[in-house]
Amino acid sequence: MYHKLRNFRAGIEAGISCLKRAYGLSRCIWKGLEHLKSYVWSAVVAHNLAVFSRLLAAR
C-alpha cells in the first residue's frame, strides 16, 4: 500500500509541476475567485488536450 500511495503522490506532484511550468499556474494575475477558477480550468483543459494529442500521435 505504501508504494501505491507514494507513486500516486508522485504522479499528482508531477502534474502540478507541469501546470506550473508550462501553463503559468505559479502566479494568477486575475482577480477574484471566479476568475481564478477560470484560469485554473483553462490551464487544466489545455494540459489535457496536449496529453491526448501526444497519445494519439504515438499511435
C-alpha atoms as a PDB file:
ATOM      1  CA  MET A   1       0.000   0.000   0.000  1.00  0.00           C
ATOM      2  CA  TYR A   2       2.883   2.363   0.753  1.00  0.00           C
ATOM      3  CA  HIS A   3       4.298   2.041  -2.773  1.00  0.00           C
ATOM      4  CA  LYS A   4       0.909   2.676  -4.386  1.00  0.00           C
ATOM      5  CA  LEU A   5       0.369   5.816  -2.316  1.00  0.00           C
ATOM      6  CA  ARG A   6       3.917   7.010  -2.953  1.00  0.00           C
ATOM      7  CA  ASN A   7       3.524   6.574  -6.699  1.00  0.00           C
ATOM      8  CA  PHE A   8       0.109   8.260  -6.658  1.00  0.00           C
ATOM      9  CA  ARG A   9       1.520  11.272  -4.838  1.00  0.00           C
ATOM     10  CA  ALA A  10       4.487  11.456  -7.222  1.00  0.00           C
ATOM     11  CA  GLY A  11       2.080  11.474 -10.179  1.00  0.00           C
ATOM     12  CA  ILE A  12      -0.018  14.251  -8.678  1.00  0.00           C
ATOM     13  CA  GLU A  13       3.052  16.348  -7.928  1.00  0.00           C
ATOM     14  CA  ALA A  14       4.353  15.826 -11.466  1.00  0.00           C
ATOM     15  CA  GLY A  15       1.059  17.084 -12.874  1.00  0.00           C
ATOM     16  CA  ILE A  16       1.106  20.151 -10.644  1.00  0.00           C
ATOM     17  CA  SER A  17       4.713  20.851 -11.602  1.00  0.00           C
ATOM     18  CA  CYS A  18       3.874  20.668 -15.299  1.00  0.00           C
ATOM     19  CA  LEU A  19       0.908  23.012 -14.867  1.00  0.00           C
ATOM     20  CA  LYS A  20       3.106  25.497 -13.033  1.00  0.00           C
ATOM     21  CA  ARG A  21       5.989  25.377 -15.521  1.00  0.00           C
ATOM     22  CA  ALA A  22       4.237  25.029 -18.878  1.00  0.00           C
ATOM     23  CA  TYR A  23       0.914  26.770 -18.280  1.00  0.00           C
ATOM     24  CA  GLY A  24       1.826  29.571 -15.897  1.00  0.00           C
ATOM     25  CA  LEU A  25      -0.087  28.485 -12.817  1.00  0.00           C
ATOM     26  CA  SER A  26       2.665  29.622 -10.489  1.00  0.00           C
ATOM     27  CA  ARG A  27       1.021  33.025 -10.314  1.00  0.00           C
ATOM     28  CA  CYS A  28      -2.501  34.139 -11.209  1.00  0.00           C
ATOM     29  CA  ILE A  29      -2.920  37.813 -12.010  1.00  0.00           C
ATOM     30  CA  TRP A  30      -6.678  37.562 -12.477  1.00  0.00           C
ATOM     31  CA  LYS A  31      -8.675  38.966  -9.537  1.00  0.00           C
ATOM     32  CA  GLY A  32     -11.477  37.154  -7.736  1.00  0.00           C
ATOM     33  CA  LEU A  33     -12.438  33.559  -7.076  1.00  0.00           C
ATOM     34  CA  GLU A  34     -14.448  33.094 -10.284  1.00  0.00           C
ATOM     35  CA  HIS A  35     -11.551  34.371 -12.376  1.00  0.00           C
ATOM     36  CA  LEU A  36      -9.139  32.073 -10.542  1.00  0.00           C
ATOM     37  CA  LYS A  37     -11.401  29.106 -11.262  1.00  0.00           C
ATOM     38  CA  SER A  38     -11.487  30.052 -14.955  1.00  0.00           C
ATOM     39  CA  TYR A  39      -7.711  30.446 -15.025  1.00  0.00           C
ATOM     40  CA  VAL A  40      -7.075  27.037 -13.488  1.00  0.00           C
ATOM     41  CA  TRP A  41      -9.784  25.355 -15.546  1.00  0.00           C
ATOM     42  CA  SER A  42      -8.359  26.656 -18.828  1.00  0.00           C
ATOM     43  CA  ALA A  43      -4.836  25.536 -17.898  1.00  0.00           C
ATOM     44  CA  VAL A  44      -6.011  22.045 -16.958  1.00  0.00           C
ATOM     45  CA  VAL A  45      -8.007  21.684 -20.185  1.00  0.00           C
ATOM     46  CA  ALA A  46      -5.011  22.852 -22.232  1.00  0.00           C
ATOM     47  CA  HIS A  47      -2.763  20.337 -20.466  1.00  0.00           C
ATOM     48  CA  ASN A  48      -5.226  17.501 -21.022  1.00  0.00           C
ATOM     49  CA  LEU A  49      -5.527  18.365 -24.728  1.00  0.00           C
ATOM     50  CA  ALA A  50      -1.746  18.344 -25.060  1.00  0.00           C
ATOM     51  CA  VAL A  51      -1.533  14.936 -23.352  1.00  0.00           C
ATOM     52  CA  PHE A  52      -4.318  13.470 -25.508  1.00  0.00           C
ATOM     53  CA  SER A  53      -2.764  14.759 -28.720  1.00  0.00           C
ATOM     54  CA  ARG A  54       0.616  13.331 -27.702  1.00  0.00           C
ATOM     55  CA  LEU A  55      -1.011   9.951 -27.047  1.00  0.00           C
ATOM     56  CA  LEU A  56      -2.837   9.999 -30.399  1.00  0.00           C
ATOM     57  CA  ALA A  57       0.367  10.898 -32.226  1.00  0.00           C
ATOM     58  CA  ALA A  58       2.117   7.940 -30.612  1.00  0.00           C
ATOM     59  CA  ARG A  59      -0.444   5.520 -32.029  1.00  0.00           C
END
